[in-house]
Amino acid sequence: MSLENFLAYPTLFKQVRILDADSTINDSTTLSDVLIDRDRQIHLDVRSDQIPENTHIDERSGLILGTGAIDLYSTSCEPGHESRETIAELVAAAKNGGFSNVGILPNTQPAIDDIAALEFWRNIQHKYGNILQPWGAITKGLEGKQLTDMAELAESVIGFTDSKPLGNLLLVRRAMEYVKPLGKPIALFPQNPELAGSGVIREGRWSLQYGMTGYPAAAETSSLAALIELVRLTQAPTHFMRISTAQGVALLAQAKNDGLPVTASTSWLHLCHCDRDLGNYDPNLRLMPPLGSEGDRLALVAGVKSGAIDAIAIDHTPCAYEEKVVPFEVAPVGAIGLEFAIPVLWQNLVTTGLLTASELWKALSLNPAQIFGITQPPLSTLFDPNLAWLASEQAIASPSKNSSYFGRSLVGKVL
C-alpha cells in the first residue's frame, strides 16, 4: 500500500504492533487495529461503528507502528551544495524513511555560527515545520579557533557541535563551561588527528590484506578518554558522536557508571558493517571514522543493548555521483541513509535477534528525543518488516546515490 493509496481512501490495518515510549521502556507488546484516514491521521483501537464504509482492509500481518524516528545529526547540502540534495529533497527523504526530526550539522555554507545564518533556518522551519533542527557551531567558521556566541544562538539550536575533532582541549573546556548553563548539549567527535593520519580502514588484519592505510582504534579512544576527563571536570552535558570502537563503548560505560552527564551515539552503518566488508573497495563505505572490526561492531550492538550507546545516528551525507566514482582512499567520506536505515537495521539486528524491536526503537526515537530535549514524537512511522523492495532511483526521494544499498533488493519498508 503506497502513500498515494492512503490519501485516496481510509485504510484499516489489523493487529499492528505498537512501539511507543511505554513499550520501549518495558519491552512490552501492544497490538491494535490501526485506521489511517484520508487526512493521514492515525486512529488506534477503532470500533466497528467508527470505520467508514469505503475503508480498505489491508490483510498483511506483522506491521509495526512506532513513534517517529529521530536522527541526531545529518548533513544538509543547502545552502552551499544544492546540486547534491536540496532541503525539499532532504525533507522528503526523511519522511520517506520514517523520520520526524533530523538534526542538521552546522557544516553548511555559510556555517551555522551566527544569528544571520540561523535566520535562514527559521525560514526553513516556517515552511516545513520543525522536522529539521539545526545544531549551532562551537567555533566560528568551524575552524576550531574562536568560540561562537553560544548564548546568542542557544534559543534557536538544539545544541552545539563542530562535527569534527577539536584538538585544542583548553578551548573544549571553555566551550563546556560556556554551554553548561544554557541547557543545551555539546556534541563532540572524539578523534586524535595525528594518530588517525590518513587512515581509511581500521588498523588490523583487513587493512593489511586489502592494502589500505590503517586507522588505529587509539585514534578514537585516546581522544575520548581525554574528553571524558573534561566532562568530569566541568560536569557539562556532553554527547559523544560517531563512536566506533569496543574500547570506546567500555570507556562510555565506565563514565556513565561514574555518574557523568554523558550520552553517545554510533552510526547505523557501523552497526551493520565491519572492515571485512571493504574487500570490494566500495567508496560508499568510506566513512569517518572508518568501519571497525567485527568485534567493534558487536561491541557497539551490545552497547546499544546495555545503554552505553544511547542512540543510533544516520549521519546522512549526500555526495554527487562523480565525487564517489574515484578510488576508495581518495573518495569523500559519507553515505546517504535516511531511507535505508530502518529496514537495514531491522534485518541486521532485530531479525537476527541481536536487539529486540523495542531496543532498536528506543535508540532511534525515545533516546534521541531525550538528548535533544524535545517531547517524544507521536506514533507516525508505519513499517512493514516483511515487504521486499528495490532500492532504485524511483523508490527513494534523495537524488544522491552514494549508498552501498542502492540498486539492491531490501526487505522491510516504511509505508
Protein backbone atom coordinates (compact mmCIF):
# COMPACT_ATOMS: atom_id res chain seq x y z
CA MET A 1 0.00 0.00 0.00
CA SER A 2 1.61 3.23 -1.13
CA LEU A 3 1.28 6.67 0.40
CA GLU A 4 -0.89 7.68 -2.54
CA ASN A 5 -3.32 4.87 -1.65
CA PHE A 6 -3.50 6.16 1.92
CA LEU A 7 -4.52 9.55 0.59
CA ALA A 8 -7.15 8.04 -1.71
CA TYR A 9 -9.30 6.30 0.92
CA PRO A 10 -9.19 5.18 4.57
CA THR A 11 -7.21 2.02 5.28
CA LEU A 12 -7.53 -0.35 8.22
CA PHE A 13 -4.55 -2.45 9.30
CA LYS A 14 -5.27 -5.38 11.61
CA GLN A 15 -3.26 -6.28 14.71
CA VAL A 16 -0.40 -3.81 14.31
CA ARG A 17 2.39 -3.91 16.90
CA ILE A 18 2.73 -0.56 18.69
CA LEU A 19 6.16 0.76 19.62
CA ASP A 20 5.82 3.85 21.80
CA ALA A 21 7.51 5.21 24.91
CA ASP A 22 5.88 2.60 27.17
CA SER A 23 6.86 -0.37 25.01
CA THR A 24 10.43 0.82 24.51
CA ILE A 25 10.91 1.17 28.24
CA ASN A 26 9.16 -2.03 29.29
CA ASP A 27 9.76 -4.10 26.14
CA SER A 28 6.05 -4.88 26.14
CA THR A 29 3.96 -5.77 23.10
CA THR A 30 0.73 -3.96 22.33
CA LEU A 31 -1.38 -4.94 19.33
CA SER A 32 -4.01 -2.65 17.90
CA ASP A 33 -6.15 -2.26 14.79
CA VAL A 34 -4.97 0.95 13.13
CA LEU A 35 -7.10 3.14 10.89
CA ILE A 36 -5.42 5.74 8.67
CA ASP A 37 -7.97 8.21 7.33
CA ARG A 38 -7.93 10.38 4.21
CA ASP A 39 -6.08 13.11 6.09
CA ARG A 40 -3.36 10.60 7.09
CA GLN A 41 -4.48 10.81 10.73
CA ILE A 42 -3.85 7.65 12.75
CA HIS A 43 -6.58 6.12 14.93
CA LEU A 44 -5.97 3.22 17.32
CA ASP A 45 -8.44 0.65 18.68
CA VAL A 46 -11.25 1.78 16.40
CA ARG A 47 -14.67 0.23 16.93
CA SER A 48 -16.54 -1.27 14.02
CA ASP A 49 -19.05 1.58 14.04
CA GLN A 50 -16.16 4.09 13.67
CA ILE A 51 -14.87 2.58 10.42
CA PRO A 52 -16.04 4.44 7.28
CA GLU A 53 -17.96 2.34 4.74
CA ASN A 54 -15.37 2.70 1.97
CA THR A 55 -12.43 1.69 4.15
CA HIS A 56 -9.88 -0.66 2.58
CA ILE A 57 -8.94 -3.57 4.83
CA ASP A 58 -5.23 -4.36 4.49
CA GLU A 59 -4.70 -8.06 5.18
CA ARG A 60 -0.94 -8.07 5.68
CA SER A 61 0.40 -9.11 9.07
CA GLY A 62 3.38 -8.19 11.21
CA LEU A 63 3.21 -4.40 10.75
CA ILE A 64 4.90 -2.03 13.20
CA LEU A 65 3.59 1.41 14.19
CA GLY A 66 6.25 3.39 16.03
CA THR A 67 6.84 6.88 17.28
CA GLY A 68 8.61 9.00 14.70
CA ALA A 69 12.30 8.20 14.37
CA ILE A 70 14.76 10.98 15.24
CA ASP A 71 18.15 11.37 13.59
CA LEU A 72 20.63 13.17 15.83
CA TYR A 73 22.83 14.52 13.04
CA SER A 74 22.96 14.65 9.26
CA THR A 75 24.25 17.00 6.59
CA SER A 76 22.13 19.48 4.67
CA CYS A 77 23.68 20.36 1.31
CA GLU A 78 21.60 23.53 1.15
CA PRO A 79 22.80 26.20 1.44
CA GLY A 80 26.06 25.65 -0.43
CA HIS A 81 25.76 22.40 -2.39
CA GLU A 82 22.18 22.19 -3.61
CA SER A 83 23.19 20.07 -6.61
CA ARG A 84 23.79 17.15 -4.23
CA GLU A 85 20.44 17.45 -2.43
CA THR A 86 18.05 20.33 -1.72
CA ILE A 87 16.27 20.89 1.56
CA ALA A 88 12.98 19.85 -0.06
CA GLU A 89 14.60 16.58 -1.12
CA LEU A 90 16.12 16.10 2.35
CA VAL A 91 12.72 16.58 3.99
CA ALA A 92 11.13 14.14 1.54
CA ALA A 93 13.87 11.57 2.23
CA ALA A 94 13.39 11.93 6.00
CA LYS A 95 9.64 11.42 5.76
CA ASN A 96 10.08 8.55 3.30
CA GLY A 97 12.39 6.86 5.81
CA GLY A 98 10.12 7.33 8.84
CA PHE A 99 11.97 10.24 10.50
CA SER A 100 10.00 13.01 12.18
CA ASN A 101 13.09 15.05 13.18
CA VAL A 102 16.58 15.41 11.74
CA GLY A 103 19.40 17.29 13.43
CA ILE A 104 21.25 19.42 10.88
CA LEU A 105 25.00 19.72 11.30
CA PRO A 106 26.39 23.28 11.14
CA ASN A 107 28.78 22.48 8.25
CA THR A 108 26.66 24.28 5.68
CA GLN A 109 27.93 27.19 3.60
CA PRO A 110 27.84 29.54 5.40
CA ALA A 111 28.27 27.65 8.66
CA ILE A 112 25.55 27.91 11.31
CA ASP A 113 27.68 30.08 13.56
CA ASP A 114 25.74 33.34 13.97
CA ILE A 115 22.24 34.81 14.11
CA ALA A 116 22.27 35.69 10.41
CA ALA A 117 22.80 32.04 9.44
CA LEU A 118 20.01 30.97 11.80
CA GLU A 119 17.55 33.31 10.09
CA PHE A 120 17.76 31.03 7.04
CA TRP A 121 16.81 28.04 9.20
CA ARG A 122 13.94 29.88 10.86
CA ASN A 123 12.50 30.43 7.40
CA ILE A 124 13.00 26.74 6.58
CA GLN A 125 11.18 25.70 9.74
CA HIS A 126 8.37 28.12 8.94
CA LYS A 127 7.99 26.38 5.57
CA TYR A 128 8.47 22.73 6.57
CA GLY A 129 7.72 22.69 10.29
CA ASN A 130 10.30 21.57 12.82
CA ILE A 131 11.38 18.40 11.04
CA LEU A 132 14.85 19.94 10.52
CA GLN A 133 16.57 21.05 13.72
CA PRO A 134 19.86 22.95 13.33
CA TRP A 135 22.92 22.45 15.51
CA GLY A 136 24.93 25.58 16.24
CA ALA A 137 28.68 25.68 15.66
CA ILE A 138 31.04 25.60 18.63
CA THR A 139 33.68 27.68 16.85
CA LYS A 140 33.40 30.39 14.25
CA GLY A 141 33.60 29.03 10.74
CA LEU A 142 34.15 25.56 12.27
CA GLU A 143 37.83 26.46 12.36
CA GLY A 144 38.44 25.33 15.94
CA LYS A 145 39.96 28.67 16.96
CA GLN A 146 37.38 31.06 18.41
CA LEU A 147 34.15 30.20 20.22
CA THR A 148 30.86 31.35 18.78
CA ASP A 149 28.42 33.40 20.86
CA MET A 150 26.62 30.33 22.16
CA ALA A 151 24.29 32.31 24.41
CA GLU A 152 23.05 34.23 21.39
CA LEU A 153 22.49 31.05 19.38
CA ALA A 154 21.11 28.84 22.16
CA GLU A 155 17.42 29.69 21.76
CA SER A 156 17.36 28.62 18.10
CA VAL A 157 19.56 25.48 18.08
CA ILE A 158 19.28 22.00 19.59
CA GLY A 159 22.87 22.01 20.76
CA PHE A 160 26.42 22.78 19.69
CA THR A 161 28.93 20.85 17.62
CA ASP A 162 31.63 21.41 15.03
CA SER A 163 31.04 17.90 13.68
CA LYS A 164 34.79 17.35 13.50
CA PRO A 165 37.60 16.84 16.01
CA LEU A 166 38.62 19.75 18.21
CA GLY A 167 42.30 19.41 19.07
CA ASN A 168 42.55 22.35 21.49
CA LEU A 169 41.44 20.85 24.81
CA LEU A 170 41.56 24.21 26.58
CA LEU A 171 39.10 25.57 24.02
CA VAL A 172 36.90 22.49 24.53
CA ARG A 173 36.94 23.07 28.28
CA ARG A 174 35.89 26.70 27.79
CA ALA A 175 33.12 25.58 25.42
CA MET A 176 31.84 23.08 28.01
CA GLU A 177 31.84 25.75 30.74
CA TYR A 178 30.13 28.20 28.40
CA VAL A 179 27.38 25.81 27.28
CA LYS A 180 26.58 24.25 30.68
CA PRO A 181 24.21 26.98 31.96
CA LEU A 182 22.47 27.20 28.56
CA GLY A 183 20.75 23.85 28.97
CA LYS A 184 21.92 22.57 25.59
CA PRO A 185 24.14 19.55 24.85
CA ILE A 186 27.55 19.87 23.29
CA ALA A 187 28.37 17.11 20.79
CA LEU A 188 31.99 16.11 20.26
CA PHE A 189 33.63 13.82 17.72
CA PRO A 190 36.47 12.04 19.57
CA GLN A 191 39.46 11.70 17.29
CA ASN A 192 43.18 12.31 17.60
CA PRO A 193 44.04 13.57 14.08
CA GLU A 194 47.75 12.82 14.50
CA LEU A 195 47.05 9.18 15.33
CA ALA A 196 44.32 8.91 12.71
CA GLY A 197 46.62 10.22 10.00
CA SER A 198 45.34 9.25 6.57
CA GLY A 199 43.75 6.02 7.79
CA VAL A 200 40.70 4.81 5.86
CA ILE A 201 40.12 1.36 7.43
CA ARG A 202 40.51 0.03 10.97
CA GLU A 203 44.12 -0.93 11.52
CA GLY A 204 44.49 -4.69 11.69
CA ARG A 205 44.18 -7.87 9.65
CA TRP A 206 41.96 -6.48 6.91
CA SER A 207 43.87 -3.23 6.43
CA LEU A 208 46.95 -5.37 5.73
CA GLN A 209 45.11 -7.80 3.48
CA TYR A 210 43.39 -5.06 1.46
CA GLY A 211 46.50 -2.87 1.29
CA MET A 212 44.83 0.22 2.77
CA THR A 213 46.13 2.73 5.31
CA GLY A 214 45.13 1.73 8.82
CA TYR A 215 43.27 3.89 11.36
CA PRO A 216 44.14 2.70 14.88
CA ALA A 217 41.42 2.34 17.47
CA ALA A 218 43.55 4.53 19.74
CA ALA A 219 42.81 7.49 17.45
CA GLU A 220 39.32 7.40 18.97
CA THR A 221 39.92 6.14 22.47
CA SER A 222 42.82 8.42 23.39
CA SER A 223 40.73 11.45 22.48
CA LEU A 224 37.58 10.06 24.12
CA ALA A 225 39.41 9.41 27.40
CA ALA A 226 40.72 12.98 27.49
CA LEU A 227 37.29 14.46 26.69
CA ILE A 228 35.63 12.34 29.40
CA GLU A 229 38.08 13.83 31.90
CA LEU A 230 36.97 17.31 30.81
CA VAL A 231 33.35 16.27 31.44
CA ARG A 232 34.42 15.07 34.87
CA LEU A 233 35.99 18.48 35.45
CA THR A 234 33.16 20.66 34.11
CA GLN A 235 30.09 18.42 34.59
CA ALA A 236 28.77 19.78 31.29
CA PRO A 237 26.16 17.58 29.50
CA THR A 238 28.16 16.13 26.61
CA HIS A 239 27.25 13.89 23.69
CA PHE A 240 29.92 11.78 22.02
CA MET A 241 29.17 11.21 18.35
CA ARG A 242 30.35 8.56 15.87
CA ILE A 243 31.63 6.05 18.43
CA SER A 244 33.17 3.14 16.53
CA THR A 245 35.34 1.03 18.86
CA ALA A 246 34.84 -1.63 21.53
CA GLN A 247 37.21 0.30 23.80
CA GLY A 248 35.12 3.42 23.29
CA VAL A 249 31.99 1.58 24.45
CA ALA A 250 33.85 0.44 27.57
CA LEU A 251 35.03 3.99 28.35
CA LEU A 252 31.48 5.31 27.99
CA ALA A 253 30.04 2.58 30.19
CA GLN A 254 32.56 3.49 32.90
CA ALA A 255 31.81 7.21 32.55
CA LYS A 256 28.10 6.54 32.97
CA ASN A 257 28.80 4.27 35.92
CA ASP A 258 30.71 7.19 37.46
CA GLY A 259 27.61 9.36 37.10
CA LEU A 260 28.98 11.68 34.44
CA PRO A 261 26.42 13.55 32.27
CA VAL A 262 27.38 11.84 29.00
CA THR A 263 25.42 10.34 26.13
CA ALA A 264 26.74 8.69 22.98
CA SER A 265 25.75 7.59 19.50
CA THR A 266 27.11 5.43 16.74
CA SER A 267 26.17 5.40 13.09
CA TRP A 268 23.78 2.84 11.63
CA LEU A 269 26.42 1.68 9.15
CA HIS A 270 28.89 0.87 11.94
CA LEU A 271 26.25 -1.45 13.40
CA CYS A 272 25.71 -3.24 10.08
CA HIS A 273 29.19 -3.46 8.54
CA CYS A 274 32.81 -4.08 9.53
CA ASP A 275 36.24 -3.72 7.94
CA ARG A 276 35.97 -7.17 6.37
CA ASP A 277 33.21 -5.78 4.10
CA LEU A 278 35.62 -3.41 2.34
CA GLY A 279 37.14 -6.08 0.09
CA ASN A 280 35.37 -4.65 -2.98
CA TYR A 281 36.67 -1.14 -2.18
CA ASP A 282 33.17 0.36 -2.38
CA PRO A 283 33.68 4.14 -1.93
CA ASN A 284 30.16 4.36 -0.46
CA LEU A 285 31.52 2.58 2.62
CA ARG A 286 34.31 5.14 3.02
CA LEU A 287 33.29 6.63 6.36
CA MET A 288 34.82 8.69 9.12
CA PRO A 289 35.59 7.11 11.48
CA PRO A 290 36.22 4.09 9.27
CA LEU A 291 34.34 0.85 9.76
CA GLY A 292 35.75 -1.08 12.69
CA SER A 293 36.41 -4.76 13.21
CA GLU A 294 33.66 -7.35 13.65
CA GLY A 295 34.50 -7.25 17.36
CA ASP A 296 33.93 -3.49 17.36
CA ARG A 297 30.60 -3.94 15.56
CA LEU A 298 29.34 -6.49 18.04
CA ALA A 299 30.53 -4.33 20.95
CA LEU A 300 28.60 -1.37 19.51
CA VAL A 301 25.46 -3.51 19.22
CA ALA A 302 25.97 -4.69 22.81
CA GLY A 303 26.47 -1.04 23.80
CA VAL A 304 23.10 -0.12 22.29
CA LYS A 305 21.51 -3.03 24.16
CA SER A 306 23.10 -2.12 27.50
CA GLY A 307 22.59 1.63 27.17
CA ALA A 308 26.27 2.55 26.97
CA ILE A 309 25.39 3.76 23.47
CA ASP A 310 22.18 5.79 23.71
CA ALA A 311 21.28 6.43 20.11
CA ILE A 312 21.76 5.35 16.51
CA ALA A 313 22.52 8.27 14.19
CA ILE A 314 22.09 8.22 10.43
CA ASP A 315 24.75 10.83 9.58
CA HIS A 316 23.12 11.16 6.14
CA THR A 317 25.77 12.72 3.87
CA PRO A 318 24.83 13.17 0.20
CA CYS A 319 27.56 13.25 -2.44
CA ALA A 320 27.40 13.79 -6.17
CA TYR A 321 27.89 10.75 -8.40
CA GLU A 322 31.21 11.95 -9.80
CA GLU A 323 32.59 12.57 -6.29
CA LYS A 324 32.34 8.89 -5.39
CA VAL A 325 33.49 7.41 -8.70
CA VAL A 326 37.11 7.54 -7.54
CA PRO A 327 39.49 5.15 -5.74
CA PHE A 328 38.41 4.26 -2.19
CA GLU A 329 41.22 6.08 -0.38
CA VAL A 330 40.53 9.45 -2.04
CA ALA A 331 36.72 9.30 -2.05
CA PRO A 332 34.91 11.81 0.17
CA VAL A 333 33.58 10.27 3.37
CA GLY A 334 29.90 9.65 3.99
CA ALA A 335 26.79 7.95 2.65
CA ILE A 336 23.09 8.65 2.45
CA GLY A 337 20.92 6.61 4.79
CA LEU A 338 17.62 8.17 5.86
CA GLU A 339 15.59 5.95 3.52
CA PHE A 340 17.54 2.73 4.14
CA ALA A 341 18.39 2.79 7.85
CA ILE A 342 15.24 1.38 9.46
CA PRO A 343 14.81 -1.64 7.14
CA VAL A 344 18.54 -2.47 7.14
CA LEU A 345 18.85 -2.13 10.93
CA TRP A 346 15.73 -4.25 11.41
CA GLN A 347 17.04 -7.05 9.21
CA ASN A 348 20.58 -6.94 10.63
CA LEU A 349 19.75 -6.52 14.31
CA VAL A 350 16.13 -7.43 15.10
CA THR A 351 15.59 -10.32 12.68
CA THR A 352 18.91 -11.81 13.80
CA GLY A 353 17.98 -11.46 17.48
CA LEU A 354 20.84 -9.12 18.40
CA LEU A 355 18.34 -6.45 19.54
CA THR A 356 14.66 -6.53 20.34
CA ALA A 357 12.29 -4.31 18.36
CA SER A 358 11.84 -2.14 21.44
CA GLU A 359 15.60 -1.74 21.96
CA LEU A 360 16.05 -0.65 18.36
CA TRP A 361 13.19 1.84 18.53
CA LYS A 362 14.44 3.25 21.80
CA ALA A 363 17.80 4.04 20.15
CA LEU A 364 16.09 5.53 17.10
CA SER A 365 13.34 7.56 18.77
CA LEU A 366 12.98 7.78 22.55
CA ASN A 367 16.62 8.36 23.45
CA PRO A 368 17.36 10.88 20.65
CA ALA A 369 14.32 12.88 21.78
CA GLN A 370 15.71 12.97 25.32
CA ILE A 371 19.14 14.05 24.05
CA PHE A 372 17.52 16.84 22.03
CA GLY A 373 15.35 17.82 24.99
CA ILE A 374 12.17 17.56 22.93
CA THR A 375 8.91 15.76 23.54
CA GLN A 376 8.54 12.26 22.20
CA PRO A 377 7.07 12.41 18.68
CA PRO A 378 3.65 10.85 18.12
CA LEU A 379 3.00 7.47 16.58
CA SER A 380 3.67 8.18 12.92
CA THR A 381 6.05 5.60 11.40
CA LEU A 382 4.24 2.62 9.89
CA PHE A 383 6.77 -0.06 8.99
CA ASP A 384 6.34 -3.37 7.20
CA PRO A 385 9.35 -5.55 8.14
CA ASN A 386 8.44 -8.16 5.52
CA LEU A 387 7.94 -6.01 2.41
CA ALA A 388 10.60 -6.58 -0.26
CA TRP A 389 11.52 -3.65 -2.49
CA LEU A 390 14.26 -2.50 -4.83
CA ALA A 391 16.37 0.47 -3.69
CA SER A 392 16.01 2.19 -7.05
CA GLU A 393 16.03 5.77 -8.24
CA GLN A 394 12.22 5.67 -8.36
CA ALA A 395 11.89 4.31 -4.80
CA ILE A 396 13.84 7.00 -2.93
CA ALA A 397 13.43 10.74 -2.62
CA SER A 398 17.10 11.71 -2.40
CA PRO A 399 18.78 12.45 -5.74
CA SER A 400 22.14 11.31 -4.32
CA LYS A 401 23.04 7.67 -4.82
CA ASN A 402 26.09 7.31 -2.58
CA SER A 403 24.96 4.20 -0.75
CA SER A 404 26.11 0.60 -0.94
CA TYR A 405 22.42 -0.37 -0.80
CA PHE A 406 21.39 1.47 -3.94
CA GLY A 407 20.32 -1.00 -6.61
CA ARG A 408 19.89 -3.85 -4.10
CA SER A 409 16.77 -5.67 -3.01
CA LEU A 410 15.88 -4.88 0.61
CA VAL A 411 13.36 -6.40 3.00
CA GLY A 412 11.37 -4.03 5.17
CA LYS A 413 9.94 -0.65 4.21
CA VAL A 414 8.42 2.36 5.88
CA LEU A 415 4.93 2.75 4.44
